[in-house]
């Protein structure tokens, strides 16, 4: 901070030391400039002429336009020049030369000098052109401004007519060249179109025939192979079915044997039931006899007198000595006859039960054996029935396959569905060939669609203008390139036709415009003789001289200060 204060103080000290030089030079420069401005420099007077432009162009497009642009739009480029164009024409040397020569101005006033003395402005947001002429002589400035106001509208109009006359000739020549070019392009376009359309149709037709032949051949082979295989399978299935039915142990024989065995088994079961009832009955009887015998004693004790026995009674009667024995009581033990009878009946029942049980066992064995035989026959019958059902299913399947194959042989389109069933769905090789056939049919449909598109193009070639038309054009690079060439030729023909039509219209417009007196610019306000000079600007000149000299004096002061400092250092070193 202190260094900066010291440096600034040094600068101020330099200015203070050389203030006389600075002030002196500045005052001298201002005095000299004032003297020159007030007493030496000539006075300038300005006369102003104002023009009104009708319907000017927004911008000066003529500056960047070509001859073709002017030829195809003469109204915009000739009848309606822009304000910038008029501003340049006012200062045109040929026009200013006419102004100078017709009015006898001094020979020292050349068009180049006068052009520098003329200032053309356009007030903002207006159609006005303000032409200011600045000269030392107010009368001469007035006369030139007046002559510009009188002559310039006619000069601009003559330029328009001359330009239009030249433009008519130019358009006529362009029209002839464009007509020849149009005829050439039209012939090339028609020849190219005819060749291109024929190529598309022929290519599509050949492709369609090729795909159709491939499809028919493959479909015929596939249908024939499927039909032959289906017929072979049907013959084999029929033969197997009939052979099975002709076997000795067929289902009918087995069914009859089972029925016989079932009848025998039923009889055995009935007999077993009867034997069971008989056994149960004898068991009941045996139980009853056992119950009865359990209540009886095997031996019984009898008490009887002599009178109860006929033999003893007779003996007593024959022997008087035994008379006393008439009242004699005797006891005796003997077998119980009822017990013996019951015992005999029980033994008989047991023997009967043993026989019945033995018979039951034999019948049961025979029934079990018969039942096992029935089971064996039923198992065999079940196996035969399963085999028969399988053979029947094979036969039905073979019939269905043959029916499907026959329908496929009669109508190839029925093979185009993956869900068609039959051998095509089960045999891998046939299924693969079916998928190939479907692919060929898809290619055939595409070829047919391409042919339809080509035929529609042949009938109406306007569709060729669509770059995404599809068909063979989208698939064949050569045809695609030919289409692009066709579109290019069509575009060139269209552009040539548009150019011809535009030039033809412009030619008519230019001829009409050439006969018209178009006044696009008119004098709006004439000049007046200037009384007060507009230059030189005395105070402005003095101020500029003072400021410029002030800066120069300051620079000179610093330079002198620097030179003195350098000399002082050299003396010290010496």
Protein backbone atom coordinates (compact mmCIF):
# COMPACT_ATOMS: atom_id res chain seq x y z
CA UNK A 1 0.00 0.00 0.00
CA UNK A 2 2.83 2.40 0.89
CA UNK A 3 4.61 1.57 -2.39
CA UNK A 4 1.47 2.47 -4.29
CA UNK A 5 1.17 5.81 -2.41
CA UNK A 6 4.83 6.62 -3.17
CA UNK A 7 4.38 5.74 -6.87
CA UNK A 8 1.23 7.89 -7.16
CA UNK A 9 3.00 10.76 -5.41
CA UNK A 10 5.84 10.45 -7.92
CA UNK A 11 3.39 10.75 -10.80
CA UNK A 12 1.81 13.85 -9.27
CA UNK A 13 5.24 15.38 -8.66
CA UNK A 14 6.13 14.83 -12.34
CA UNK A 15 2.94 16.56 -13.43
CA UNK A 16 3.57 19.47 -11.02
CA UNK A 17 7.16 19.91 -12.23
CA UNK A 18 6.07 20.01 -15.87
CA UNK A 19 2.80 21.84 -15.39
CA UNK A 20 3.94 24.87 -17.32
CA UNK A 21 4.76 22.75 -20.36
CA UNK A 22 1.46 20.90 -20.14
CA UNK A 23 -0.65 24.02 -19.70
CA UNK A 24 1.30 25.96 -22.30
CA UNK A 25 1.02 23.36 -25.05
CA UNK A 26 -2.68 22.83 -24.35
CA UNK A 27 -3.47 26.56 -24.47
CA UNK A 28 -1.41 27.06 -27.65
CA UNK A 29 -3.16 24.11 -29.37
CA UNK A 30 -6.60 25.43 -28.41
CA UNK A 31 -5.73 28.95 -29.60
CA UNK A 32 -4.38 27.70 -32.92
CA UNK A 33 -7.40 25.49 -33.46
CA UNK A 34 -9.76 28.32 -32.56
CA UNK A 35 -8.04 30.68 -34.99
CA UNK A 36 -8.15 28.12 -37.76
CA UNK A 37 -11.81 27.28 -37.11
CA UNK A 38 -12.97 30.89 -36.92
CA UNK A 39 -10.76 32.56 -39.53
CA UNK A 40 -9.13 30.00 -41.84
CA UNK A 41 -11.43 26.96 -42.41
CA UNK A 42 -14.21 27.59 -44.95
CA UNK A 43 -17.85 27.40 -43.89
CA UNK A 44 -20.04 24.48 -44.99
CA UNK A 45 -23.71 24.78 -45.90
CA UNK A 46 -26.11 21.84 -46.10
CA UNK A 47 -29.17 21.53 -48.37
CA UNK A 48 -31.54 18.60 -47.83
CA UNK A 49 -33.90 16.77 -50.19
CA UNK A 50 -36.31 14.11 -48.93
CA UNK A 51 -37.73 11.23 -51.03
CA UNK A 52 -40.65 8.90 -50.25
CA UNK A 53 -40.17 5.24 -51.27
CA UNK A 54 -43.33 3.24 -52.09
CA UNK A 55 -43.44 -0.40 -50.83
CA UNK A 56 -39.70 -0.88 -50.44
CA UNK A 57 -38.17 -4.25 -49.78
CA UNK A 58 -37.41 -4.94 -46.14
CA UNK A 59 -33.78 -5.68 -46.86
CA UNK A 60 -31.46 -5.28 -49.77
CA UNK A 61 -31.78 -8.79 -51.19
CA UNK A 62 -30.49 -7.59 -54.57
CA UNK A 63 -27.08 -7.34 -52.98
CA UNK A 64 -26.85 -11.12 -52.62
CA UNK A 65 -29.21 -12.21 -55.42
CA UNK A 66 -28.24 -14.00 -58.62
CA UNK A 67 -29.36 -13.42 -62.18
CA UNK A 68 -31.60 -16.46 -61.91
CA UNK A 69 -33.26 -15.05 -58.78
CA UNK A 70 -33.94 -11.80 -60.60
CA UNK A 71 -35.20 -13.63 -63.68
CA UNK A 72 -37.64 -15.80 -61.70
CA UNK A 73 -38.94 -12.95 -59.52
CA UNK A 74 -38.73 -9.70 -61.54
CA UNK A 75 -41.42 -7.89 -59.57
CA UNK A 76 -39.53 -8.22 -56.28
CA UNK A 77 -36.10 -7.40 -57.69
CA UNK A 78 -36.97 -4.63 -60.15
CA UNK A 79 -40.21 -2.94 -59.30
CA UNK A 80 -39.58 -2.85 -55.54
CA UNK A 81 -35.91 -1.95 -54.84
CA UNK A 82 -34.92 -1.56 -51.23
CA UNK A 83 -34.14 1.75 -49.51
CA UNK A 84 -30.48 0.69 -49.37
CA UNK A 85 -30.49 0.33 -53.17
CA UNK A 86 -31.86 3.83 -53.65
CA UNK A 87 -29.35 5.15 -51.15
CA UNK A 88 -26.50 3.75 -53.24
CA UNK A 89 -27.98 4.98 -56.54
CA UNK A 90 -28.15 8.56 -55.29
CA UNK A 91 -24.34 8.55 -54.92
CA UNK A 92 -23.80 6.67 -58.19
CA UNK A 93 -21.02 8.42 -60.21
CA UNK A 94 -22.97 8.24 -63.50
CA UNK A 95 -25.97 9.98 -61.94
CA UNK A 96 -23.83 12.62 -60.22
CA UNK A 97 -21.93 13.18 -63.49
CA UNK A 98 -25.24 13.99 -65.18
CA UNK A 99 -26.14 16.44 -62.39
CA UNK A 100 -22.77 18.22 -62.70
CA UNK A 101 -22.68 18.41 -66.52
CA UNK A 102 -26.28 19.54 -67.04
CA UNK A 103 -26.01 22.41 -64.54
CA UNK A 104 -22.57 23.78 -65.41
CA UNK A 105 -20.98 23.41 -62.00
CA UNK A 106 -17.26 24.02 -61.62
CA UNK A 107 -14.96 21.50 -63.20
CA UNK A 108 -13.24 21.04 -59.84
CA UNK A 109 -16.43 19.36 -58.56
CA UNK A 110 -16.04 15.81 -59.82
CA UNK A 111 -18.57 12.96 -59.18
CA UNK A 112 -16.13 11.41 -56.74
CA UNK A 113 -15.78 14.64 -54.73
CA UNK A 114 -19.51 15.31 -54.87
CA UNK A 115 -20.24 11.74 -53.70
CA UNK A 116 -18.21 12.41 -50.57
CA UNK A 117 -20.18 15.64 -49.99
CA UNK A 118 -23.51 13.77 -50.11
CA UNK A 119 -24.88 12.02 -47.05
CA UNK A 120 -27.89 9.69 -47.42
CA UNK A 121 -29.86 8.63 -44.35
CA UNK A 122 -33.04 6.67 -43.63
CA UNK A 123 -35.00 7.82 -40.56
CA UNK A 124 -35.84 4.87 -38.34
CA UNK A 125 -39.17 3.12 -39.01
CA UNK A 126 -39.93 5.18 -42.11
CA UNK A 127 -39.93 4.92 -45.93
CA UNK A 128 -38.06 8.20 -46.30
CA UNK A 129 -34.65 8.84 -47.82
CA UNK A 130 -32.99 12.06 -46.71
CA UNK A 131 -30.23 13.30 -49.10
CA UNK A 132 -27.98 15.99 -47.58
CA UNK A 133 -25.53 17.97 -49.78
CA UNK A 134 -22.73 19.76 -47.88
CA UNK A 135 -20.75 22.43 -49.83
CA UNK A 136 -18.97 25.72 -49.11
CA UNK A 137 -21.38 27.63 -51.36
CA UNK A 138 -24.99 27.62 -50.05
CA UNK A 139 -26.42 28.35 -53.53
CA UNK A 140 -24.46 25.54 -55.10
CA UNK A 141 -25.52 23.12 -52.32
CA UNK A 142 -29.15 24.18 -52.87
CA UNK A 143 -28.97 23.73 -56.66
CA UNK A 144 -27.38 20.30 -56.42
CA UNK A 145 -29.94 19.15 -53.83
CA UNK A 146 -32.76 20.54 -56.00
CA UNK A 147 -31.42 18.81 -59.13
CA UNK A 148 -31.11 15.54 -57.25
CA UNK A 149 -34.74 15.90 -56.14
CA UNK A 150 -35.86 16.53 -59.71
CA UNK A 151 -33.66 14.08 -61.62
CA UNK A 152 -33.28 11.10 -59.31
CA UNK A 153 -36.87 9.67 -59.56
CA UNK A 154 -36.62 9.70 -63.40
CA UNK A 155 -33.09 8.28 -63.22
CA UNK A 156 -34.27 5.41 -60.99
CA UNK A 157 -37.22 4.78 -63.32
CA UNK A 158 -34.97 4.66 -66.40
CA UNK A 159 -32.63 2.28 -64.65
CA UNK A 160 -35.59 0.03 -63.85
CA UNK A 161 -36.71 0.03 -67.48
CA UNK A 162 -33.22 -0.66 -68.79
CA UNK A 163 -32.74 -3.39 -66.24
CA UNK A 164 -36.13 -4.85 -67.11
CA UNK A 165 -35.38 -4.79 -70.86
CA UNK A 166 -32.15 -6.62 -70.28
CA UNK A 167 -33.94 -9.01 -67.92
CA UNK A 168 -36.61 -9.81 -70.54
CA UNK A 169 -33.88 -10.80 -73.01
CA UNK A 170 -32.11 -12.84 -70.36
CA UNK A 171 -35.35 -14.62 -69.34
CA UNK A 172 -36.14 -15.34 -72.99
CA UNK A 173 -32.76 -17.00 -73.49
CA UNK A 174 -33.13 -18.91 -70.24
CA UNK A 175 -36.62 -20.01 -71.28
CA UNK A 176 -35.31 -21.48 -74.55
CA UNK A 177 -32.49 -23.31 -72.79
CA UNK A 178 -34.87 -24.57 -70.10
CA UNK A 179 -37.34 -25.81 -72.73
CA UNK A 180 -34.63 -27.87 -74.44
CA UNK A 181 -33.41 -29.17 -71.08
CA UNK A 182 -36.99 -30.06 -70.13
CA UNK A 183 -37.51 -32.07 -73.34
CA UNK A 184 -34.25 -33.95 -72.78
CA UNK A 185 -35.02 -34.74 -69.16
CA UNK A 186 -38.59 -35.79 -70.02
CA UNK A 187 -37.33 -38.26 -72.66
CA UNK A 188 -34.70 -39.68 -70.29
CA UNK A 189 -37.31 -39.92 -67.53
CA UNK A 190 -39.85 -41.78 -69.69
CA UNK A 191 -37.24 -44.20 -71.02
CA UNK A 192 -35.93 -44.85 -67.52
CA UNK A 193 -39.46 -45.28 -66.13
CA UNK A 194 -40.45 -47.77 -68.84
CA UNK A 195 -37.30 -49.85 -68.35
CA UNK A 196 -37.51 -49.70 -64.56
CA UNK A 197 -41.20 -50.73 -64.38
CA UNK A 198 -40.64 -53.61 -66.83
CA UNK A 199 -37.64 -54.81 -64.84
CA UNK A 200 -39.63 -54.76 -61.60
CA UNK A 201 -42.54 -56.72 -63.13
CA UNK A 202 -40.32 -59.29 -64.87
CA UNK A 203 -38.19 -59.81 -61.79
CA UNK A 204 -41.27 -60.20 -59.57
CA UNK A 205 -42.87 -62.64 -62.05
CA UNK A 206 -39.72 -64.78 -62.27
CA UNK A 207 -39.38 -64.80 -58.50
CA UNK A 208 -43.06 -65.77 -58.10
CA UNK A 209 -42.75 -68.64 -60.59
CA UNK A 210 -39.57 -69.86 -58.90
CA UNK A 211 -41.14 -69.81 -55.40
CA UNK A 212 -44.38 -71.40 -56.67
CA UNK A 213 -42.50 -74.26 -58.38
CA UNK A 214 -40.40 -74.91 -55.27
CA UNK A 215 -43.51 -74.88 -53.06
CA UNK A 216 -45.55 -77.22 -55.29
CA UNK A 217 -42.69 -79.72 -55.66
CA UNK A 218 -42.00 -79.83 -51.92
CA UNK A 219 -45.72 -80.00 -51.03
CA UNK A 220 -46.28 -82.83 -53.52
CA UNK A 221 -43.34 -84.82 -52.18
CA UNK A 222 -44.35 -84.28 -48.57
CA UNK A 223 -48.02 -85.18 -49.19
CA UNK A 224 -47.04 -88.30 -51.18
CA UNK A 225 -44.55 -89.48 -48.55
CA UNK A 226 -47.05 -88.88 -45.77
CA UNK A 227 -49.80 -90.74 -47.64
CA UNK A 228 -47.54 -93.72 -48.39
CA UNK A 229 -46.38 -93.91 -44.78
CA UNK A 230 -49.96 -93.57 -43.50
CA UNK A 231 -51.13 -96.35 -45.86
CA UNK A 232 -48.27 -98.62 -44.74
CA UNK A 233 -49.13 -97.97 -41.09
CA UNK A 234 -52.82 -98.63 -41.73
CA UNK A 235 -52.14 -101.96 -43.45
CA UNK A 236 -49.84 -103.06 -40.63
CA UNK A 237 -52.29 -101.95 -37.91
CA UNK A 238 -55.16 -103.78 -39.65
CA UNK A 239 -53.07 -106.93 -40.05
CA UNK A 240 -51.97 -106.88 -36.40
CA UNK A 241 -55.55 -106.37 -35.24
CA UNK A 242 -56.95 -109.19 -37.34
CA UNK A 243 -54.07 -111.54 -36.39
CA UNK A 244 -54.74 -110.90 -32.74
CA UNK A 245 -58.41 -111.68 -33.12
CA UNK A 246 -57.56 -114.96 -34.92
CA UNK A 247 -55.39 -116.39 -32.06
CA UNK A 248 -56.72 -119.62 -30.34
CA UNK A 249 -56.78 -117.98 -26.92
CA UNK A 250 -58.57 -114.90 -28.03
CA UNK A 251 -60.79 -112.81 -25.83
CA UNK A 252 -63.96 -114.77 -26.70
CA UNK A 253 -62.43 -118.12 -25.78
CA UNK A 254 -61.00 -116.69 -22.56
CA UNK A 255 -64.36 -115.13 -21.71
CA UNK A 256 -66.15 -118.48 -22.21
CA UNK A 257 -63.58 -120.30 -20.06
CA UNK A 258 -63.95 -117.69 -17.35
CA UNK A 259 -67.75 -118.08 -17.47
CA UNK A 260 -67.39 -121.87 -17.12
CA UNK A 261 -65.02 -121.46 -14.22
CA UNK A 262 -67.33 -118.89 -12.63
CA UNK A 263 -70.21 -121.37 -12.94
CA UNK A 264 -68.12 -124.08 -11.29
CA UNK A 265 -66.98 -121.64 -8.61
CA UNK A 266 -70.61 -120.71 -7.96
CA UNK A 267 -71.54 -124.38 -7.56
CA UNK A 268 -68.63 -124.92 -5.19
CA UNK A 269 -69.64 -121.91 -3.17
CA UNK A 270 -73.24 -123.14 -3.04
CA UNK A 271 -72.10 -126.59 -1.91
CA UNK A 272 -69.80 -125.01 0.67
CA UNK A 273 -72.70 -123.01 1.93
CA UNK A 274 -74.81 -126.14 2.25
CA UNK A 275 -71.99 -128.01 4.00
CA UNK A 276 -71.48 -125.05 6.32
CA UNK A 277 -75.15 -125.14 7.23
CA UNK A 278 -74.99 -128.92 7.75
CA UNK A 279 -71.91 -128.59 9.92
CA UNK A 280 -73.51 -125.85 11.95
CA UNK A 281 -76.67 -127.99 12.35
CA UNK A 282 -74.70 -131.10 13.44
CA UNK A 283 -72.64 -128.97 15.79
CA UNK A 284 -75.84 -127.75 17.32
CA UNK A 285 -77.12 -131.28 17.67
CA UNK A 286 -73.80 -132.41 19.10
CA UNK A 287 -73.85 -129.58 21.58
CA UNK A 288 -77.35 -130.57 22.60
CA UNK A 289 -76.36 -134.24 23.02
CA UNK A 290 -73.26 -133.20 24.97
CA UNK A 291 -75.49 -131.09 27.16
CA UNK A 292 -77.89 -134.03 27.68
CA UNK A 293 -75.14 -136.56 28.38
CA UNK A 294 -73.59 -134.22 30.86
CA UNK A 295 -76.79 -134.45 32.85
CA UNK A 296 -76.90 -138.25 32.82
CA UNK A 297 -74.82 -140.67 34.89
CA UNK A 298 -73.04 -143.48 33.18
CA UNK A 299 -74.20 -146.02 35.87
CA UNK A 300 -77.50 -146.28 37.80
CA UNK A 301 -78.37 -148.15 41.15
CA UNK A 302 -81.63 -150.15 41.12
CA UNK A 303 -83.58 -151.30 44.30
CA UNK A 304 -86.06 -154.14 43.79
CA UNK A 305 -87.78 -156.87 45.74
CA UNK A 306 -88.25 -160.56 44.90
CA UNK A 307 -91.77 -159.76 43.84
CA UNK A 308 -90.48 -157.34 41.28
CA UNK A 309 -88.63 -160.20 39.56
CA UNK A 310 -90.77 -162.78 37.89
CA UNK A 311 -87.97 -165.29 38.04
CA UNK A 312 -87.44 -164.91 41.76
CA UNK A 313 -91.10 -164.87 42.37
CA UNK A 314 -91.42 -168.15 40.56
CA UNK A 315 -88.43 -169.51 42.42
CA UNK A 316 -89.92 -168.63 45.79
CA UNK A 317 -93.15 -170.14 44.88
CA UNK A 318 -91.48 -173.34 43.84
CA UNK A 319 -89.36 -173.48 46.95
CA UNK A 320 -91.18 -172.97 50.16
CA UNK A 321 -87.91 -172.42 51.91
CA UNK A 322 -87.59 -169.17 50.11
CA UNK A 323 -90.88 -167.77 51.19
CA UNK A 324 -89.16 -165.58 53.69
CA UNK A 325 -87.30 -164.02 50.86
CA UNK A 326 -90.45 -162.68 49.30
CA UNK A 327 -90.01 -159.34 51.09
CA UNK A 328 -86.31 -159.21 50.52
CA UNK A 329 -84.98 -155.87 49.03
CA UNK A 330 -82.02 -156.04 46.63
CA UNK A 331 -79.76 -153.18 45.21
CA UNK A 332 -77.85 -153.45 41.89
CA UNK A 333 -75.51 -151.14 39.80
CA UNK A 334 -75.73 -151.18 36.02
CA UNK A 335 -74.98 -149.08 32.90
CA UNK A 336 -77.36 -146.24 32.22
CA UNK A 337 -79.04 -147.09 28.93
CA UNK A 338 -79.87 -143.42 28.19
CA UNK A 339 -76.29 -142.47 28.72
CA UNK A 340 -75.15 -145.17 26.37
CA UNK A 341 -77.71 -144.11 23.84
CA UNK A 342 -76.59 -140.50 24.02
CA UNK A 343 -72.97 -141.60 23.79
CA UNK A 344 -73.74 -143.60 20.70
CA UNK A 345 -75.54 -140.67 19.12
CA UNK A 346 -72.62 -138.36 19.90
CA UNK A 347 -70.16 -140.72 18.29
CA UNK A 348 -72.38 -141.00 15.26
CA UNK A 349 -72.63 -137.17 14.97
CA UNK A 350 -68.88 -136.77 15.31
CA UNK A 351 -68.31 -139.25 12.53
CA UNK A 352 -70.83 -137.43 10.40
CA UNK A 353 -69.15 -134.08 11.17
CA UNK A 354 -65.76 -135.50 10.26
CA UNK A 355 -67.09 -136.64 6.91
CA UNK A 356 -68.79 -133.33 6.24
CA UNK A 357 -65.66 -131.38 7.29
CA UNK A 358 -63.50 -133.51 5.03
CA UNK A 359 -65.91 -132.96 2.19
CA UNK A 360 -65.93 -129.20 2.96
CA UNK A 361 -62.14 -129.15 2.84
CA UNK A 362 -62.10 -130.91 -0.51
CA UNK A 363 -64.76 -128.57 -1.92
CA UNK A 364 -62.91 -125.57 -0.51
CA UNK A 365 -59.68 -126.70 -2.18
CA UNK A 366 -61.49 -127.21 -5.45
CA UNK A 367 -63.17 -123.77 -5.07
CA UNK A 368 -59.82 -122.12 -4.32
CA UNK A 369 -58.21 -123.81 -7.27
CA UNK A 370 -61.09 -122.74 -9.51
CA UNK A 371 -60.86 -119.19 -8.19
CA UNK A 372 -57.12 -119.10 -8.91
CA UNK A 373 -57.82 -120.34 -12.38
CA UNK A 374 -60.42 -117.59 -12.77
CA UNK A 375 -57.91 -115.01 -11.58
CA UNK A 376 -55.32 -116.30 -14.00
CA UNK A 377 -57.81 -116.28 -16.88
CA UNK A 378 -59.00 -112.78 -15.93
CA UNK A 379 -55.41 -111.52 -15.83
CA UNK A 380 -54.77 -113.08 -19.19
CA UNK A 381 -58.04 -111.63 -20.46
CA UNK A 382 -57.10 -108.19 -19.10
CA UNK A 383 -53.76 -108.39 -20.86
CA UNK A 384 -55.50 -109.44 -24.03
CA UNK A 385 -57.99 -106.56 -23.67
CA UNK A 386 -55.14 -104.08 -23.13
CA UNK A 387 -53.39 -105.44 -26.17
CA UNK A 388 -56.66 -105.30 -28.13
CA UNK A 389 -57.29 -101.71 -27.03
CA UNK A 390 -53.76 -100.79 -28.00
CA UNK A 391 -54.21 -102.48 -31.37
CA UNK A 392 -57.58 -100.76 -31.74
CA UNK A 393 -56.05 -97.39 -30.90
CA UNK A 394 -53.24 -98.05 -33.35
CA UNK A 395 -55.79 -98.97 -35.97
CA UNK A 396 -57.91 -95.87 -35.26
CA UNK A 397 -54.81 -93.70 -35.25
CA UNK A 398 -53.65 -95.23 -38.52
CA UNK A 399 -57.09 -94.56 -40.02
CA UNK A 400 -57.01 -90.94 -38.81
CA UNK A 401 -53.46 -90.52 -40.12
CA UNK A 402 -54.52 -91.91 -43.47
CA UNK A 403 -57.56 -89.61 -43.55
CA UNK A 404 -55.37 -86.57 -42.73
CA UNK A 405 -52.75 -87.62 -45.25
CA UNK A 406 -55.41 -88.08 -47.93
CA UNK A 407 -56.83 -84.61 -47.21
CA UNK A 408 -53.29 -83.19 -47.33
CA UNK A 409 -52.72 -84.96 -50.64
CA UNK A 410 -55.89 -83.37 -52.02
CA UNK A 411 -55.28 -79.89 -50.57
CA UNK A 412 -51.71 -78.77 -49.87
CA UNK A 413 -52.91 -75.77 -47.87
CA UNK A 414 -54.07 -78.10 -45.06
CA UNK A 415 -50.41 -78.88 -44.32
CA UNK A 416 -49.59 -75.24 -43.55
CA UNK A 417 -50.71 -75.39 -39.91
CA UNK A 418 -48.37 -76.75 -37.26
CA UNK A 419 -51.47 -78.03 -35.40
CA UNK A 420 -52.66 -80.15 -38.30
CA UNK A 421 -51.94 -83.37 -36.35
CA UNK A 422 -51.37 -86.78 -37.91
CA UNK A 423 -47.97 -88.05 -38.96
CA UNK A 424 -46.73 -84.50 -39.55
CA UNK A 425 -47.00 -83.80 -35.83
CA UNK A 426 -45.37 -87.08 -34.65
CA UNK A 427 -42.67 -87.91 -37.18
CA UNK A 428 -39.70 -85.55 -36.65
CA UNK A 429 -38.51 -85.78 -40.26
CA UNK A 430 -41.99 -85.03 -41.62
CA UNK A 431 -42.45 -82.23 -39.09
CA UNK A 432 -39.14 -80.70 -40.18
CA UNK A 433 -40.21 -80.93 -43.81
CA UNK A 434 -43.60 -79.39 -42.90
CA UNK A 435 -41.82 -76.42 -41.28
CA UNK A 436 -39.72 -76.10 -44.44
CA UNK A 437 -42.94 -76.21 -46.52
CA UNK A 438 -44.47 -73.47 -44.34
CA UNK A 439 -41.34 -71.40 -44.89
CA UNK A 440 -41.62 -71.96 -48.66
CA UNK A 441 -45.29 -70.93 -48.54
CA UNK A 442 -44.36 -67.80 -46.63
CA UNK A 443 -41.77 -67.01 -49.29
CA UNK A 444 -44.40 -67.72 -51.97
CA UNK A 445 -46.84 -65.32 -50.29
CA UNK A 446 -44.12 -62.68 -50.12
CA UNK A 447 -43.34 -63.26 -53.79
CA UNK A 448 -47.07 -62.96 -54.60
CA UNK A 449 -47.30 -59.73 -52.61
CA UNK A 450 -44.20 -58.42 -54.38
CA UNK A 451 -45.74 -59.33 -57.75
CA UNK A 452 -48.99 -57.56 -56.81
CA UNK A 453 -47.00 -54.46 -55.86
CA UNK A 454 -45.02 -54.69 -59.10
CA UNK A 455 -48.22 -55.09 -61.13
CA UNK A 456 -49.83 -52.12 -59.38
CA UNK A 457 -46.68 -50.10 -60.16
CA UNK A 458 -46.93 -51.25 -63.79
CA UNK A 459 -50.52 -49.98 -63.92
CA UNK A 460 -49.91 -46.83 -61.89
CA UNK A 461 -46.26 -45.78 -61.55
CA UNK A 462 -47.08 -42.88 -59.23
CA UNK A 463 -46.43 -45.24 -56.32
CA UNK A 464 -42.73 -45.24 -57.22
CA UNK A 465 -42.47 -41.87 -55.55
CA UNK A 466 -42.81 -43.59 -52.15
CA UNK A 467 -39.33 -44.46 -50.92
CA UNK A 468 -40.86 -47.07 -48.53
CA UNK A 469 -42.99 -48.76 -51.18
CA UNK A 470 -41.72 -52.21 -50.15
CA UNK A 471 -41.83 -55.28 -52.38
CA UNK A 472 -38.81 -56.34 -54.41
CA UNK A 473 -37.56 -52.76 -54.47
CA UNK A 474 -36.93 -52.94 -50.72
CA UNK A 475 -35.27 -56.39 -50.99
CA UNK A 476 -33.24 -56.04 -54.18
CA UNK A 477 -30.32 -53.57 -53.88
CA UNK A 478 -30.16 -53.15 -57.65
CA UNK A 479 -33.86 -52.26 -57.92
CA UNK A 480 -33.50 -49.98 -54.89
CA UNK A 481 -30.65 -48.17 -56.62
CA UNK A 482 -32.73 -47.99 -59.82
CA UNK A 483 -35.61 -46.48 -57.82
CA UNK A 484 -33.30 -43.84 -56.38
CA UNK A 485 -32.09 -43.07 -59.90
CA UNK A 486 -35.70 -42.86 -61.07
CA UNK A 487 -36.61 -40.55 -58.19
CA UNK A 488 -33.56 -38.44 -59.00
CA UNK A 489 -34.63 -38.20 -62.67
CA UNK A 490 -38.21 -37.43 -61.62
CA UNK A 491 -36.98 -34.75 -59.25
CA UNK A 492 -34.80 -33.27 -61.97
CA UNK A 493 -37.74 -33.35 -64.40
CA UNK A 494 -39.99 -31.74 -61.80
CA UNK A 495 -37.40 -29.06 -61.07
CA UNK A 496 -36.94 -28.47 -64.82
CA UNK A 497 -40.70 -28.20 -65.27
CA UNK A 498 -40.98 -25.83 -62.31
CA UNK A 499 -38.10 -23.79 -63.65
CA UNK A 500 -39.73 -23.63 -67.09
CA UNK A 501 -43.13 -22.65 -65.65
CA UNK A 502 -41.52 -20.10 -63.38
CA UNK A 503 -39.48 -18.58 -66.19
CA UNK A 504 -42.55 -18.54 -68.43
CA UNK A 505 -44.53 -16.68 -65.78
CA UNK A 506 -41.59 -14.37 -65.08
CA UNK A 507 -41.19 -13.65 -68.82
CA UNK A 508 -44.81 -12.48 -69.00
CA UNK A 509 -44.39 -10.41 -65.85
CA UNK A 510 -41.13 -8.87 -67.08
CA UNK A 511 -42.68 -7.90 -70.42
CA UNK A 512 -45.59 -6.26 -68.64
CA UNK A 513 -43.26 -4.49 -66.22
CA UNK A 514 -41.14 -3.27 -69.14
CA UNK A 515 -44.13 -1.36 -70.54
CA UNK A 516 -45.08 0.21 -67.21
CA UNK A 517 -43.86 3.52 -65.79
CA UNK A 518 -43.33 2.44 -62.22
CA UNK A 519 -42.64 5.29 -59.84
CA UNK A 520 -41.48 3.74 -56.62
CA UNK A 521 -39.72 6.85 -55.37
CA UNK A 522 -41.12 10.37 -55.27
CA UNK A 523 -39.91 13.74 -54.09
CA UNK A 524 -41.41 14.30 -50.67
CA UNK A 525 -39.72 17.56 -49.61
CA UNK A 526 -37.58 19.88 -51.71
CA UNK A 527 -34.48 21.77 -50.50
CA UNK A 528 -34.24 25.32 -49.31
CA UNK A 529 -31.27 27.69 -49.55
CA UNK A 530 -29.24 27.20 -46.35
CA UNK A 531 -28.63 30.35 -44.39
CA UNK A 532 -26.59 29.08 -41.47
CA UNK A 533 -23.47 27.04 -41.94
CA UNK A 534 -23.33 23.55 -40.45
CA UNK A 535 -19.53 23.51 -40.28
CA UNK A 536 -16.90 23.77 -39.18
CA UNK A 537 -17.85 23.01 -35.55
CA UNK A 538 -15.62 25.55 -33.89
CA UNK A 539 -16.13 24.78 -30.20
CA UNK A 540 -16.01 21.05 -30.89
CA UNK A 541 -12.75 21.47 -32.79
CA UNK A 542 -11.26 23.55 -29.93
CA UNK A 543 -12.39 20.99 -27.32
CA UNK A 544 -10.96 18.09 -29.28
CA UNK A 545 -7.67 19.92 -29.83
CA UNK A 546 -7.43 20.82 -26.13
CA UNK A 547 -8.10 17.26 -24.94
CA UNK A 548 -5.73 15.72 -27.48
CA UNK A 549 -2.94 18.22 -26.67
CA UNK A 550 -3.44 17.71 -22.92
CA UNK A 551 -2.82 13.97 -23.27
CA UNK A 552 0.13 14.58 -25.57
CA UNK A 553 1.64 17.10 -23.12
CA UNK A 554 1.34 14.67 -20.20
CA UNK A 555 3.07 11.94 -22.20
CA UNK A 556 5.75 14.39 -23.24
CA UNK A 557 6.28 15.45 -19.60
CA UNK A 558 6.81 11.85 -18.48
CA UNK A 559 9.17 11.26 -21.39
CA UNK A 560 11.28 14.31 -20.55
CA UNK A 561 11.30 13.31 -16.87
CA UNK A 562 12.54 9.88 -17.87
CA UNK A 563 15.28 11.35 -20.07
CA UNK A 564 16.49 13.62 -17.28
CA UNK A 565 16.59 10.70 -14.84
CA UNK A 566 18.66 8.65 -17.29
CA UNK A 567 21.17 11.48 -17.85
CA UNK A 568 21.52 12.03 -14.07
CA UNK A 569 22.37 8.36 -13.51
CA UNK A 570 25.02 8.49 -16.24
CA UNK A 571 26.66 11.58 -14.64
CA UNK A 572 26.72 9.87 -11.22
CA UNK A 573 28.42 6.83 -12.69
CA UNK A 574 30.95 9.06 -14.46
